[in-house]
């Protein structure tokens, strides 16, 4: 059963404890509000301001699990706080661990500050949860996929268009890295895991995947740089640094170019060009 009073008070306290910069929003001038405004919370949680305001006023229908998950993420709640919010709303909290998509607030705070850098937060299966605007300009929007196509590894072996973004000389390495990483996850997570399900789908749908999988390679990793072929600015060589959240098995991937290099100048140009219509869903 929903605890309307407890839910309203908890939301209000969390909102008032946050500042715009805590959630990647500009502060603006002449700000008098203590913490975030209700409409700001609604925007970062992808819900209407009227609906959110009613929650804080102990009104309206009980929010769904999907709505509570969105609010928990938007307010940068910890896992314990997320679980508390679910219980206040009368729902059982989601399971924790590798299958969870709730991003650690510390990871989000770092991500929110990477405004001038291609960066993304991904799951262990290569499902993109968040992208910076420059990452969208580099690789296209990757958060709209559903089903197995959410995984970059699945798209790699089933959608030829995905490969056009990467240097053709590196295609074989990408295939080996994806298959090797999936093999590690299947062994780690077990035969009933999402990783095992993805492996079974790829075995049925990709001859190339079957061939690479049957090599039984493990521990295959990328070189120091990844090479991209952007349709507007051409070839780029970018270093990829990963920050791992061991509790959620999420990774923050940050792509950078050597200062003064041609790729560095192209990244600066890309930040001006922005998200090209070729990538827009």
C-alpha atoms as a PDB file:
ATOM      1  CA  UNK A   1       0.000   0.000   0.000  1.00  0.00           C
ATOM      2  CA  UNK A   2       1.253   3.450  -0.889  1.00  0.00           C
ATOM      3  CA  UNK A   3       2.388   5.727   1.936  1.00  0.00           C
ATOM      4  CA  UNK A   4       1.353   9.043   0.407  1.00  0.00           C
ATOM      5  CA  UNK A   5       2.578  11.179   3.271  1.00  0.00           C
ATOM      6  CA  UNK A   6       5.934   9.431   3.504  1.00  0.00           C
ATOM      7  CA  UNK A   7       6.356   9.499  -0.282  1.00  0.00           C
ATOM      8  CA  UNK A   8       5.577  13.211  -0.510  1.00  0.00           C
ATOM      9  CA  UNK A   9       7.928  14.130   2.338  1.00  0.00           C
ATOM     10  CA  UNK A  10      10.770  11.979   1.014  1.00  0.00           C
ATOM     11  CA  UNK A  11      10.490  13.463  -2.466  1.00  0.00           C
ATOM     12  CA  UNK A  12      10.363  16.985  -1.093  1.00  0.00           C
ATOM     13  CA  UNK A  13      13.407  16.471   1.129  1.00  0.00           C
ATOM     14  CA  UNK A  14      15.441  14.917  -1.674  1.00  0.00           C
ATOM     15  CA  UNK A  15      14.482  17.696  -4.091  1.00  0.00           C
ATOM     16  CA  UNK A  16      15.444  20.412  -1.632  1.00  0.00           C
ATOM     17  CA  UNK A  17      18.793  18.764  -0.909  1.00  0.00           C
ATOM     18  CA  UNK A  18      19.909  18.907  -4.550  1.00  0.00           C
ATOM     19  CA  UNK A  19      21.392  21.824  -6.455  1.00  0.00           C
ATOM     20  CA  UNK A  20      21.097  22.232 -10.250  1.00  0.00           C
ATOM     21  CA  UNK A  21      24.776  21.413 -10.773  1.00  0.00           C
ATOM     22  CA  UNK A  22      24.296  18.160  -8.853  1.00  0.00           C
ATOM     23  CA  UNK A  23      22.104  16.832 -11.663  1.00  0.00           C
ATOM     24  CA  UNK A  24      23.769  18.483 -14.649  1.00  0.00           C
ATOM     25  CA  UNK A  25      21.495  21.535 -14.873  1.00  0.00           C
ATOM     26  CA  UNK A  26      22.609  25.180 -15.222  1.00  0.00           C
ATOM     27  CA  UNK A  27      22.089  27.303 -12.118  1.00  0.00           C
ATOM     28  CA  UNK A  28      20.940  30.435 -13.892  1.00  0.00           C
ATOM     29  CA  UNK A  29      20.675  33.910 -12.403  1.00  0.00           C
ATOM     30  CA  UNK A  30      18.573  35.228  -9.538  1.00  0.00           C
ATOM     31  CA  UNK A  31      17.885  31.789  -8.156  1.00  0.00           C
ATOM     32  CA  UNK A  32      15.976  31.892  -4.865  1.00  0.00           C
ATOM     33  CA  UNK A  33      14.694  28.316  -4.619  1.00  0.00           C
ATOM     34  CA  UNK A  34      16.275  26.091  -1.973  1.00  0.00           C
ATOM     35  CA  UNK A  35      17.277  23.063  -3.982  1.00  0.00           C
ATOM     36  CA  UNK A  36      15.642  22.094  -7.241  1.00  0.00           C
ATOM     37  CA  UNK A  37      12.331  23.413  -8.510  1.00  0.00           C
ATOM     38  CA  UNK A  38       9.525  20.910  -9.041  1.00  0.00           C
ATOM     39  CA  UNK A  39       9.555  21.539 -12.784  1.00  0.00           C
ATOM     40  CA  UNK A  40      13.291  20.834 -12.868  1.00  0.00           C
ATOM     41  CA  UNK A  41      12.773  17.505 -11.132  1.00  0.00           C
ATOM     42  CA  UNK A  42       9.966  16.676 -13.545  1.00  0.00           C
ATOM     43  CA  UNK A  43      12.210  17.453 -16.512  1.00  0.00           C
ATOM     44  CA  UNK A  44      15.126  15.265 -15.396  1.00  0.00           C
ATOM     45  CA  UNK A  45      12.701  12.459 -14.478  1.00  0.00           C
ATOM     46  CA  UNK A  46      10.881  12.721 -17.835  1.00  0.00           C
ATOM     47  CA  UNK A  47       7.448  13.223 -16.301  1.00  0.00           C
ATOM     48  CA  UNK A  48       5.011  16.138 -16.318  1.00  0.00           C
ATOM     49  CA  UNK A  49       5.470  18.896 -13.766  1.00  0.00           C
ATOM     50  CA  UNK A  50       1.794  18.626 -12.802  1.00  0.00           C
ATOM     51  CA  UNK A  51       2.100  14.909 -12.082  1.00  0.00           C
ATOM     52  CA  UNK A  52       5.209  15.374  -9.954  1.00  0.00           C
ATOM     53  CA  UNK A  53       3.634  18.273  -8.044  1.00  0.00           C
ATOM     54  CA  UNK A  54       0.636  16.102  -7.191  1.00  0.00           C
ATOM     55  CA  UNK A  55       2.951  13.450  -5.726  1.00  0.00           C
ATOM     56  CA  UNK A  56       4.453  16.026  -3.385  1.00  0.00           C
ATOM     57  CA  UNK A  57       0.933  17.126  -2.449  1.00  0.00           C
ATOM     58  CA  UNK A  58      -0.167  13.540  -1.659  1.00  0.00           C
ATOM     59  CA  UNK A  59      -2.539  13.437  -4.617  1.00  0.00           C
ATOM     60  CA  UNK A  60      -3.037  11.580  -7.875  1.00  0.00           C
ATOM     61  CA  UNK A  61      -2.871   7.889  -8.799  1.00  0.00           C
ATOM     62  CA  UNK A  62      -0.212   5.592  -7.412  1.00  0.00           C
ATOM     63  CA  UNK A  63       2.927   5.895  -9.563  1.00  0.00           C
ATOM     64  CA  UNK A  64       3.943   2.833 -11.531  1.00  0.00           C
ATOM     65  CA  UNK A  65       7.200   0.963 -10.975  1.00  0.00           C
ATOM     66  CA  UNK A  66       8.569   2.512 -14.182  1.00  0.00           C
ATOM     67  CA  UNK A  67       7.668   5.980 -12.912  1.00  0.00           C
ATOM     68  CA  UNK A  68       9.326   5.384  -9.548  1.00  0.00           C
ATOM     69  CA  UNK A  69      12.456   4.053 -11.251  1.00  0.00           C
ATOM     70  CA  UNK A  70      12.617   7.195 -13.386  1.00  0.00           C
ATOM     71  CA  UNK A  71      12.192   9.461 -10.358  1.00  0.00           C
ATOM     72  CA  UNK A  72      14.833   7.536  -8.394  1.00  0.00           C
ATOM     73  CA  UNK A  73      17.324   7.949 -11.225  1.00  0.00           C
ATOM     74  CA  UNK A  74      16.487  11.589 -11.832  1.00  0.00           C
ATOM     75  CA  UNK A  75      16.963  12.440  -8.153  1.00  0.00           C
ATOM     76  CA  UNK A  76      20.305  10.602  -8.121  1.00  0.00           C
ATOM     77  CA  UNK A  77      19.196   8.275  -5.338  1.00  0.00           C
ATOM     78  CA  UNK A  78      21.489   5.631  -3.907  1.00  0.00           C
ATOM     79  CA  UNK A  79      20.343   2.010  -4.090  1.00  0.00           C
ATOM     80  CA  UNK A  80      19.113   2.116  -0.496  1.00  0.00           C
ATOM     81  CA  UNK A  81      17.202   5.333  -1.184  1.00  0.00           C
ATOM     82  CA  UNK A  82      15.778   3.871  -4.403  1.00  0.00           C
ATOM     83  CA  UNK A  83      14.534   0.796  -2.558  1.00  0.00           C
ATOM     84  CA  UNK A  84      12.974   3.020   0.128  1.00  0.00           C
ATOM     85  CA  UNK A  85      11.189   5.060  -2.541  1.00  0.00           C
ATOM     86  CA  UNK A  86       9.761   1.909  -4.116  1.00  0.00           C
ATOM     87  CA  UNK A  87       8.416   0.729  -0.779  1.00  0.00           C
ATOM     88  CA  UNK A  88       6.843   4.117  -0.037  1.00  0.00           C
ATOM     89  CA  UNK A  89       5.049   3.854  -3.377  1.00  0.00           C
ATOM     90  CA  UNK A  90       3.796   0.371  -2.495  1.00  0.00           C
ATOM     91  CA  UNK A  91       6.091  -1.584  -4.811  1.00  0.00           C
ATOM     92  CA  UNK A  92       8.744  -4.210  -4.235  1.00  0.00           C
ATOM     93  CA  UNK A  93      12.229  -2.836  -5.027  1.00  0.00           C
ATOM     94  CA  UNK A  94      13.956  -4.157  -8.156  1.00  0.00           C
ATOM     95  CA  UNK A  95      16.689  -6.731  -7.766  1.00  0.00           C
ATOM     96  CA  UNK A  96      20.203  -5.454  -7.360  1.00  0.00           C
ATOM     97  CA  UNK A  97      23.293  -6.565  -9.238  1.00  0.00           C
ATOM     98  CA  UNK A  98      24.347  -6.905 -12.854  1.00  0.00           C
ATOM     99  CA  UNK A  99      20.794  -6.790 -14.251  1.00  0.00           C
ATOM    100  CA  UNK A 100      19.967  -3.471 -12.574  1.00  0.00           C
ATOM    101  CA  UNK A 101      19.851  -0.317 -14.698  1.00  0.00           C
ATOM    102  CA  UNK A 102      19.849   2.112 -11.782  1.00  0.00           C
ATOM    103  CA  UNK A 103      23.023   4.157 -12.180  1.00  0.00           C
ATOM    104  CA  UNK A 104      25.147   4.888  -9.126  1.00  0.00           C
ATOM    105  CA  UNK A 105      24.708   8.594  -8.232  1.00  0.00           C
ATOM    106  CA  UNK A 106      28.469   9.032  -7.931  1.00  0.00           C
ATOM    107  CA  UNK A 107      28.893   7.789 -11.485  1.00  0.00           C
ATOM    108  CA  UNK A 108      26.130  10.114 -12.622  1.00  0.00           C
ATOM    109  CA  UNK A 109      27.763  13.123 -10.963  1.00  0.00           C
ATOM    110  CA  UNK A 110      30.956  12.479 -12.916  1.00  0.00           C
ATOM    111  CA  UNK A 111      29.013  11.908 -16.126  1.00  0.00           C
ATOM    112  CA  UNK A 112      27.031  15.137 -15.710  1.00  0.00           C
ATOM    113  CA  UNK A 113      30.275  17.141 -15.694  1.00  0.00           C
ATOM    114  CA  UNK A 114      31.580  15.704 -18.979  1.00  0.00           C
ATOM    115  CA  UNK A 115      29.796  18.281 -21.095  1.00  0.00           C
ATOM    116  CA  UNK A 116      32.594  18.723 -23.652  1.00  0.00           C
ATOM    117  CA  UNK A 117      33.647  15.084 -24.046  1.00  0.00           C
ATOM    118  CA  UNK A 118      32.177  11.998 -25.744  1.00  0.00           C
ATOM    119  CA  UNK A 119      31.155   9.733 -22.863  1.00  0.00           C
ATOM    120  CA  UNK A 120      28.547   7.080 -22.163  1.00  0.00           C
ATOM    121  CA  UNK A 121      27.388   4.830 -19.359  1.00  0.00           C
ATOM    122  CA  UNK A 122      26.872   1.227 -20.433  1.00  0.00           C
ATOM    123  CA  UNK A 123      25.858  -2.068 -18.861  1.00  0.00           C
ATOM    124  CA  UNK A 124      28.087  -5.123 -18.914  1.00  0.00           C
ATOM    125  CA  UNK A 125      26.250  -6.260 -22.069  1.00  0.00           C
ATOM    126  CA  UNK A 126      27.103  -3.018 -23.844  1.00  0.00           C
ATOM    127  CA  UNK A 127      23.642  -1.452 -23.458  1.00  0.00           C
ATOM    128  CA  UNK A 128      23.959   2.343 -23.461  1.00  0.00           C
ATOM    129  CA  UNK A 129      22.076   3.981 -20.574  1.00  0.00           C
ATOM    130  CA  UNK A 130      23.330   7.563 -20.929  1.00  0.00           C
ATOM    131  CA  UNK A 131      25.270   9.565 -23.543  1.00  0.00           C
ATOM    132  CA  UNK A 132      26.721  13.043 -23.532  1.00  0.00           C
ATOM    133  CA  UNK A 133      25.697  15.256 -26.467  1.00  0.00           C
ATOM    134  CA  UNK A 134      29.150  14.891 -28.024  1.00  0.00           C
ATOM    135  CA  UNK A 135      28.873  11.094 -27.766  1.00  0.00           C
ATOM    136  CA  UNK A 136      25.566  11.293 -29.646  1.00  0.00           C
ATOM    137  CA  UNK A 137      27.264  13.430 -32.294  1.00  0.00           C
ATOM    138  CA  UNK A 138      30.039  10.838 -32.572  1.00  0.00           C
ATOM    139  CA  UNK A 139      28.129   7.546 -32.639  1.00  0.00           C
ATOM    140  CA  UNK A 140      24.470   8.509 -32.928  1.00  0.00           C
ATOM    141  CA  UNK A 141      21.786   8.077 -30.281  1.00  0.00           C
ATOM    142  CA  UNK A 142      22.123   4.631 -28.747  1.00  0.00           C
ATOM    143  CA  UNK A 143      19.608   4.740 -25.904  1.00  0.00           C
ATOM    144  CA  UNK A 144      16.451   4.215 -27.978  1.00  0.00           C
ATOM    145  CA  UNK A 145      17.035   0.559 -28.855  1.00  0.00           C
ATOM    146  CA  UNK A 146      14.846  -2.137 -27.356  1.00  0.00           C
ATOM    147  CA  UNK A 147      15.191  -5.882 -26.838  1.00  0.00           C
ATOM    148  CA  UNK A 148      18.492  -7.598 -27.696  1.00  0.00           C
ATOM    149  CA  UNK A 149      19.373  -4.736 -30.063  1.00  0.00           C
ATOM    150  CA  UNK A 150      20.178  -2.636 -26.994  1.00  0.00           C
ATOM    151  CA  UNK A 151      23.501  -4.494 -26.864  1.00  0.00           C
ATOM    152  CA  UNK A 152      26.216  -3.147 -29.162  1.00  0.00           C
ATOM    153  CA  UNK A 153      27.544  -6.703 -29.472  1.00  0.00           C
ATOM    154  CA  UNK A 154      24.205  -7.946 -30.774  1.00  0.00           C
ATOM    155  CA  UNK A 155      23.919  -5.067 -33.252  1.00  0.00           C
ATOM    156  CA  UNK A 156      27.489  -5.664 -34.398  1.00  0.00           C
ATOM    157  CA  UNK A 157      26.708  -9.168 -35.596  1.00  0.00           C
ATOM    158  CA  UNK A 158      23.158  -8.553 -36.887  1.00  0.00           C
ATOM    159  CA  UNK A 159      23.140  -5.027 -38.364  1.00  0.00           C
ATOM    160  CA  UNK A 160      25.796  -4.315 -41.034  1.00  0.00           C
ATOM    161  CA  UNK A 161      25.148  -0.552 -40.789  1.00  0.00           C
ATOM    162  CA  UNK A 162      26.729  -0.514 -37.306  1.00  0.00           C
ATOM    163  CA  UNK A 163      30.135  -1.344 -38.749  1.00  0.00           C
ATOM    164  CA  UNK A 164      30.298   1.699 -41.016  1.00  0.00           C
ATOM    165  CA  UNK A 165      31.241   3.834 -37.997  1.00  0.00           C
ATOM    166  CA  UNK A 166      34.427   1.862 -37.335  1.00  0.00           C
ATOM    167  CA  UNK A 167      37.622   1.542 -39.361  1.00  0.00           C
ATOM    168  CA  UNK A 168      37.311  -1.553 -41.583  1.00  0.00           C
ATOM    169  CA  UNK A 169      40.772  -2.797 -40.576  1.00  0.00           C
ATOM    170  CA  UNK A 170      39.470  -3.155 -36.996  1.00  0.00           C
ATOM    171  CA  UNK A 171      36.290  -5.105 -37.738  1.00  0.00           C
ATOM    172  CA  UNK A 172      37.811  -8.512 -36.999  1.00  0.00           C
ATOM    173  CA  UNK A 173      39.137  -7.243 -33.661  1.00  0.00           C
ATOM    174  CA  UNK A 174      35.719  -5.872 -32.701  1.00  0.00           C
ATOM    175  CA  UNK A 175      34.152  -9.254 -33.417  1.00  0.00           C
ATOM    176  CA  UNK A 176      36.725 -11.056 -31.291  1.00  0.00           C
ATOM    177  CA  UNK A 177      36.359  -8.565 -28.406  1.00  0.00           C
ATOM    178  CA  UNK A 178      32.566  -8.864 -28.362  1.00  0.00           C
ATOM    179  CA  UNK A 179      32.586 -12.667 -28.511  1.00  0.00           C
ATOM    180  CA  UNK A 180      35.336 -12.940 -25.896  1.00  0.00           C
ATOM    181  CA  UNK A 181      33.555 -10.556 -23.522  1.00  0.00           C
ATOM    182  CA  UNK A 182      30.248 -12.367 -23.925  1.00  0.00           C
ATOM    183  CA  UNK A 183      31.930 -15.705 -23.211  1.00  0.00           C
ATOM    184  CA  UNK A 184      33.291 -14.310 -19.952  1.00  0.00           C
ATOM    185  CA  UNK A 185      29.828 -13.077 -18.931  1.00  0.00           C
ATOM    186  CA  UNK A 186      28.093 -16.351 -19.795  1.00  0.00           C
ATOM    187  CA  UNK A 187      30.590 -18.214 -17.616  1.00  0.00           C
ATOM    188  CA  UNK A 188      30.312 -15.635 -14.822  1.00  0.00           C
ATOM    189  CA  UNK A 189      26.513 -15.173 -14.807  1.00  0.00           C
ATOM    190  CA  UNK A 190      25.382 -18.689 -15.687  1.00  0.00           C
ATOM    191  CA  UNK A 191      23.224 -20.452 -18.294  1.00  0.00           C
ATOM    192  CA  UNK A 192      19.999 -18.639 -17.305  1.00  0.00           C
ATOM    193  CA  UNK A 193      21.483 -15.143 -17.499  1.00  0.00           C
ATOM    194  CA  UNK A 194      20.743 -12.389 -20.041  1.00  0.00           C
ATOM    195  CA  UNK A 195      24.261 -12.947 -21.370  1.00  0.00           C
ATOM    196  CA  UNK A 196      23.497 -16.602 -22.080  1.00  0.00           C
ATOM    197  CA  UNK A 197      20.233 -15.622 -23.790  1.00  0.00           C
ATOM    198  CA  UNK A 198      22.110 -13.132 -25.973  1.00  0.00           C
ATOM    199  CA  UNK A 199      24.662 -15.789 -26.898  1.00  0.00           C
ATOM    200  CA  UNK A 200      21.906 -18.188 -27.936  1.00  0.00           C
ATOM    201  CA  UNK A 201      20.260 -15.544 -30.104  1.00  0.00           C
ATOM    202  CA  UNK A 202      23.527 -14.735 -31.842  1.00  0.00           C
ATOM    203  CA  UNK A 203      24.338 -18.392 -32.422  1.00  0.00           C
ATOM    204  CA  UNK A 204      21.031 -18.701 -34.277  1.00  0.00           C
ATOM    205  CA  UNK A 205      21.285 -15.448 -36.239  1.00  0.00           C
ATOM    206  CA  UNK A 206      24.936 -14.846 -37.154  1.00  0.00           C
ATOM    207  CA  UNK A 207      27.262 -17.184 -39.007  1.00  0.00           C
ATOM    208  CA  UNK A 208      30.200 -14.918 -38.193  1.00  0.00           C
ATOM    209  CA  UNK A 209      29.397 -14.998 -34.497  1.00  0.00           C
ATOM    210  CA  UNK A 210      29.260 -18.806 -34.543  1.00  0.00           C
ATOM    211  CA  UNK A 211      32.677 -18.944 -36.174  1.00  0.00           C
ATOM    212  CA  UNK A 212      34.264 -16.483 -33.738  1.00  0.00           C
ATOM    213  CA  UNK A 213      32.538 -18.061 -30.720  1.00  0.00           C
ATOM    214  CA  UNK A 214      33.831 -21.503 -31.642  1.00  0.00           C
ATOM    215  CA  UNK A 215      37.406 -20.216 -31.371  1.00  0.00           C
ATOM    216  CA  UNK A 216      36.868 -20.125 -27.565  1.00  0.00           C
ATOM    217  CA  UNK A 217      38.952 -16.972 -27.152  1.00  0.00           C
ATOM    218  CA  UNK A 218      38.977 -15.186 -23.799  1.00  0.00           C
ATOM    219  CA  UNK A 219      40.567 -11.961 -22.611  1.00  0.00           C
ATOM    220  CA  UNK A 220      40.626 -10.265 -26.027  1.00  0.00           C
ATOM    221  CA  UNK A 221      40.873  -6.513 -25.563  1.00  0.00           C
ATOM    222  CA  UNK A 222      41.116  -3.395 -27.671  1.00  0.00           C
ATOM    223  CA  UNK A 223      44.341  -1.629 -28.489  1.00  0.00           C
ATOM    224  CA  UNK A 224      45.172   1.737 -26.920  1.00  0.00           C
ATOM    225  CA  UNK A 225      42.894   3.558 -29.364  1.00  0.00           C
ATOM    226  CA  UNK A 226      39.612   3.071 -31.164  1.00  0.00           C
ATOM    227  CA  UNK A 227      39.353   4.217 -34.756  1.00  0.00           C
ATOM    228  CA  UNK A 228      36.098   5.754 -35.970  1.00  0.00           C
ATOM    229  CA  UNK A 229      34.926   6.794 -39.430  1.00  0.00           C
ATOM    230  CA  UNK A 230      32.490   9.665 -39.008  1.00  0.00           C
ATOM    231  CA  UNK A 231      30.352  10.497 -42.070  1.00  0.00           C
ATOM    232  CA  UNK A 232      31.044  14.227 -41.813  1.00  0.00           C
ATOM    233  CA  UNK A 233      34.525  14.664 -40.338  1.00  0.00           C
ATOM    234  CA  UNK A 234      36.237  11.462 -41.422  1.00  0.00           C
ATOM    235  CA  UNK A 235      38.672   9.304 -39.453  1.00  0.00           C
ATOM    236  CA  UNK A 236      39.280   9.787 -35.725  1.00  0.00           C
ATOM    237  CA  UNK A 237      41.562   7.970 -33.292  1.00  0.00           C
ATOM    238  CA  UNK A 238      40.299   8.160 -29.722  1.00  0.00           C
ATOM    239  CA  UNK A 239      41.518   6.723 -26.442  1.00  0.00           C
ATOM    240  CA  UNK A 240      38.856   5.094 -24.286  1.00  0.00           C
ATOM    241  CA  UNK A 241      39.100   5.176 -20.496  1.00  0.00           C
ATOM    242  CA  UNK A 242      36.670   3.156 -18.374  1.00  0.00           C
ATOM    243  CA  UNK A 243      35.473   3.776 -14.836  1.00  0.00           C
ATOM    244  CA  UNK A 244      33.718   0.677 -13.451  1.00  0.00           C
ATOM    245  CA  UNK A 245      31.003   0.536 -10.801  1.00  0.00           C
ATOM    246  CA  UNK A 246      31.531  -2.943  -9.294  1.00  0.00           C
ATOM    247  CA  UNK A 247      28.165  -2.969  -7.510  1.00  0.00           C
ATOM    248  CA  UNK A 248      26.082  -2.431 -10.643  1.00  0.00           C
ATOM    249  CA  UNK A 249      28.523  -3.697 -13.299  1.00  0.00           C
ATOM    250  CA  UNK A 250      28.129  -0.396 -15.155  1.00  0.00           C
ATOM    251  CA  UNK A 251      30.976   1.370 -16.933  1.00  0.00           C
ATOM    252  CA  UNK A 252      31.519   5.039 -17.634  1.00  0.00           C
ATOM    253  CA  UNK A 253      33.398   5.202 -20.944  1.00  0.00           C
ATOM    254  CA  UNK A 254      35.188   8.455 -21.783  1.00  0.00           C
ATOM    255  CA  UNK A 255      36.685   9.065 -25.223  1.00  0.00           C
ATOM    256  CA  UNK A 256      39.535  11.535 -25.670  1.00  0.00           C
ATOM    257  CA  UNK A 257      42.023  12.529 -28.345  1.00  0.00           C
ATOM    258  CA  UNK A 258      45.683  13.471 -27.966  1.00  0.00           C
ATOM    259  CA  UNK A 259      45.902  17.287 -27.608  1.00  0.00           C
ATOM    260  CA  UNK A 260      47.170  18.917 -30.789  1.00  0.00           C
ATOM    261  CA  UNK A 261      46.412  15.863 -32.921  1.00  0.00           C
ATOM    262  CA  UNK A 262      44.203  15.871 -36.001  1.00  0.00           C
ATOM    263  CA  UNK A 263      41.598  13.847 -34.105  1.00  0.00           C
ATOM    264  CA  UNK A 264      41.594  16.446 -31.322  1.00  0.00           C
ATOM    265  CA  UNK A 265      40.791  19.176 -33.829  1.00  0.00           C
ATOM    266  CA  UNK A 266      38.083  17.022 -35.377  1.00  0.00           C
ATOM    267  CA  UNK A 267      36.472  16.491 -31.964  1.00  0.00           C
ATOM    268  CA  UNK A 268      36.376  20.255 -31.504  1.00  0.00           C
ATOM    269  CA  UNK A 269      34.727  20.558 -34.913  1.00  0.00           C
ATOM    270  CA  UNK A 270      32.243  17.842 -33.988  1.00  0.00           C
ATOM    271  CA  UNK A 271      31.251  19.771 -30.876  1.00  0.00           C
ATOM    272  CA  UNK A 272      30.300  22.657 -33.169  1.00  0.00           C
ATOM    273  CA  UNK A 273      28.520  20.523 -35.736  1.00  0.00           C
ATOM    274  CA  UNK A 274      26.544  18.737 -33.047  1.00  0.00           C
ATOM    275  CA  UNK A 275      24.160  15.869 -33.546  1.00  0.00           C
ATOM    276  CA  UNK A 276      23.834  15.301 -37.286  1.00  0.00           C
ATOM    277  CA  UNK A 277      20.477  14.454 -38.788  1.00  0.00           C
ATOM    278  CA  UNK A 278      21.954  11.236 -40.173  1.00  0.00           C
ATOM    279  CA  UNK A 279      21.949   9.921 -36.588  1.00  0.00           C
ATOM    280  CA  UNK A 280      18.566  11.183 -35.474  1.00  0.00           C
ATOM    281  CA  UNK A 281      16.051   8.488 -34.681  1.00  0.00           C
END
